[in-house]
C-alpha cells in the first residue's frame, strides 16, 4: 500500500512540475484559436491604417491620424502586403497589388537606402513571388513569364536602380541616404552603419537572379567584400564607418543595432544564393563573437580592436540571434540564449530597448518597446526546429502582452515604458510586416512557407528570345523560403527557375554549373574542412570574390536639381474593402525589421577621397583616428580606357593574421593633396626631402587651405556629375573598377612577397598597428543621434 501511495505522489509531483514549467500540449483546436486571434490583431491594425493612416507612411494609433516617416510612399501598405497573402486574405492582397502596380517612385525625396531596400524592394519582391500562390492570374497580375517577369518585379527593379548611385563610392560601400530622383544628396555624410552596408545581398541577389541583370548582386557582394576587408585583426566589426575612406567612426562591436542584419544576411544569403563563402565568413565572425562578446549566453558590446568591454547591455534587436543560430543547426546554443531573452520578457511583459545585464534592470531612457518582432521571430524558428511546446507558450504570452497593453481604438501603440506600460502615439510598419506575421506562422504549422520540399507547384514560364517563343517548366512553392530582415519571404525555387532561363548570364562565372551542383549541401561545413576548388588563394584574401559578369544593360538616369520642392506620392485607397478570407490554411510570409540611422557628420570633405601613398598602403591623418586599409582604387575617370596605377612596395600582409588589413603607425610621408585621376598615370615617387619641402610650403598656407576645405564641405557632393550634369550609376565603370581592383590586389600580393626583408622589422610595427580614436562614450553618442534604432 505504501508503495502505491509513493508512486501516486511521485506521479502527481511530476505532473505538477510540468504544469508549473508551462509544458503542455497544444491541440489543433488551440492552434486554430491562437491563429485567429493573431489574424484579428492584424486586421484591427490594418483597418486602422486604411481608415486613418493611408496614404501616409505610418498610423498614429492614439490620435487616429498619420505621419510620413521614411519617404511618403505608403510604407505600411507595401510592408504589410505579403502578410495579407500569408494569412489567406487573397482578395485584399489582389486589390492592393492592383493599386500599387501603376505607382511611380520618381519623387524628389531623400530616403534611407537601407530601409527602402528591406521594406520597399523586399516587400515588392515578396508580393511578386506570392502572387501566383494568391491566384492573381484572373486579375492579369501574373504574367506568362512569371516568376521572371511581372509588374511588381519591374517596380522593385525601378526602386533598386534609384538606389544604385549610393554604391558609387571609393570603397564600394554605399551611402546611407539617396534621393529617389537625383541620386546622393549634396553634403550627404559618408558615415554609414555596418548593417546599412551588408544588408543588400538578399534583395539585390534576388533581383539579379529573377531579371538576369547581374549588377545588383555584384554591387551588393562588392560591398560585403569591402566590409570584410575592413574588419579588425581580431575579426570584429565596428558600428559606423566612413564609406569613402574606410575609417571606422564608431568602434563598438556587438550583434545588435547597427550591425545585426549584416550577420543575418551572411547566413541567409549563403542559403538563398547557394554561396558557401558567405557561410564561411559568418562562421569566422561567429568565432570572434563567441570569444570576445559572449558572457554566459549573453552578448555584450566591446572594442572592435582589443575586445575590451564597453557596454554590458542586451538590446531588444539582438533577440534575432537565437533564430539565426537555429538556421544553420545550432539549436542547443540557440535555446540557451533564448531562455535569457524570454526571462526579460516575463520580467516586464515586453523587451526594453536596453537591458542592463549586471543590474538586471531596463536601461535608463531606453525602457520603450516599439512592438519589435525579433523575439517572436526566434521563437518561430526554434519551434520549427524543435517542436517544443514550451515555445508555443512563449508565443502565447507575447500575444497576450501586446493585446492587453498595446491595443488602442485605431491600432496598436508603441510601449513608451515597459515598467508602467505607458503608450506612445506610433505604430511602426514592421508590426504588420513582421510581428503579426511571425506570430501567425508560429501557430500555423501547415503554412505553405513551412513546406519541407515534398510539395510543390509545377508551372510553365514563357518568354521571347531572338523572336522565338520559348517555354520552360519549373517547380515553385516547395518551401525553404528565406525571410529578409523585414520578414518578407523569398522563394528560392523561383530563383532557380529564372537562373535556368538566364543561364547565359549566371553560367559565365568562374564556376561551372556542374561544380555548383557538386557543392550544394556544403554550406554548413566548417571552413577548415572544405577544400578550395579554385587555384591557391592569395594571402589574407576575403573568403569570396565577386565575379565580373555580363555587363548590365539597364541603368537609371537621374536629373540633378537642387532647388525643387519636396513631393509625395499619393496612393488611392478604397473605403469599401472586401475582406473575404479564403478558406486556406496554406499561407506565405514572415520576417523581421529594424531601422537604422546614420547621422554622424563627416569632418572633412577631403577624407572622402583616397590618398596616394608613398612606400606604404596606409594613411594616418592624426594619431586619434582609426583607419582601415585603403585597398580600393579611387573612382575611375570618365575616359573609356582605364590604365592601371603603380603601387609601391607594401608591408608584408602575410606575417600574421593581426597584421592583415590594418595600418601601422610608422608610415612614410604622403602627398598631402589628392592627385586627380588625370594625373595618376604620371605619378612619380619623390624623395623624402622633396616631400618635406613641399609640406613646409603647404604649412604656410594652412589657414587658407582649411577655410577653403570648410567652404567645399558646405557644397560637397558625391554624385557622378556635379553642377547641372546628369547623375546615374555607370555599370560599365563599376565593372572596370572591379577588374582594376582585382589587378591591383594581384600586384600587391606579388609585392608583399618581397616587401619585408626581415621578421624583426615587422615585429617592431606590431605593437603600434592600430590607430585608435577617442570616441564619445557609447550611450552619449546614441543620445546625440536621437532615437536609437
Foldseek 3Di string as FASTA:
>chain_A
DVVVVVVVVVVVVVVVVCVVLVFDDQDLVNLVVLLVLLVVQLVLQVLLCQVANPPAQFAQFPVSHYHHDFFFRSQLCLLLLQVCQQQQQLQQSLVSCVQPLPFDPQFQTKGFLQCCQQRVLLSLLLSLQCNVVSVCVVVVQNDLQPPLDGSSLVRSVLQVLQQQLQLQALQLFGAGMATSFAGFDFLGFQKAFQCSRQFQQVSQVLSCLSHVFCLSNQSNVSSVQSQQLLAALLQFHFTMARRQFRFRFGQKGWCFFRHPQNLVCLQLSCVLVVPLLSLQSSVSNVVSQCVQADDQLAGAIAGRHPSHGFGQKDAPRNLLVLLSCPSLPNNVSSVRNLVVQLVCCVVLVAHFRIARVVVRGRDVQRQKAQLFARNLSSLLSSCLVPVRCSSVVSLVSNSVSQVVQQDHSSHGFIQSHSNVSHGGRTHHSLNSNARSSSSSSSSQCPALQNAPQPDWDKGKHWDDDPNDIDIDIFTWSRHPWRARQSWSTDTSRSSVRSCVVSVVWVCPFPDHPVRSVVCPVVSNPHPVVDDDPDPDDFPPRRSDADGLTDFGPDWDWHFDDDPDDGDHTHGDDDPDRDRDRDPDSHGDIHHGDDDHDDDDHDDFPQSSFDFAFALEQDDDPDLQIWGWGSLAGGQADPDPDDDAADDHFYAQLRPDSNLRGFAFPDGQDGDPHHDDPVCRNVDDRDDSVVSVVVVVVCVVCVVVVVVVRVVCSVRHDDFPDPDRDMGMNDRSSVSVSSVSSVVSVVVNSVSSVVRDDDPVVVVVRSVRGTRHHPHDRPVVVCVVSPDRD
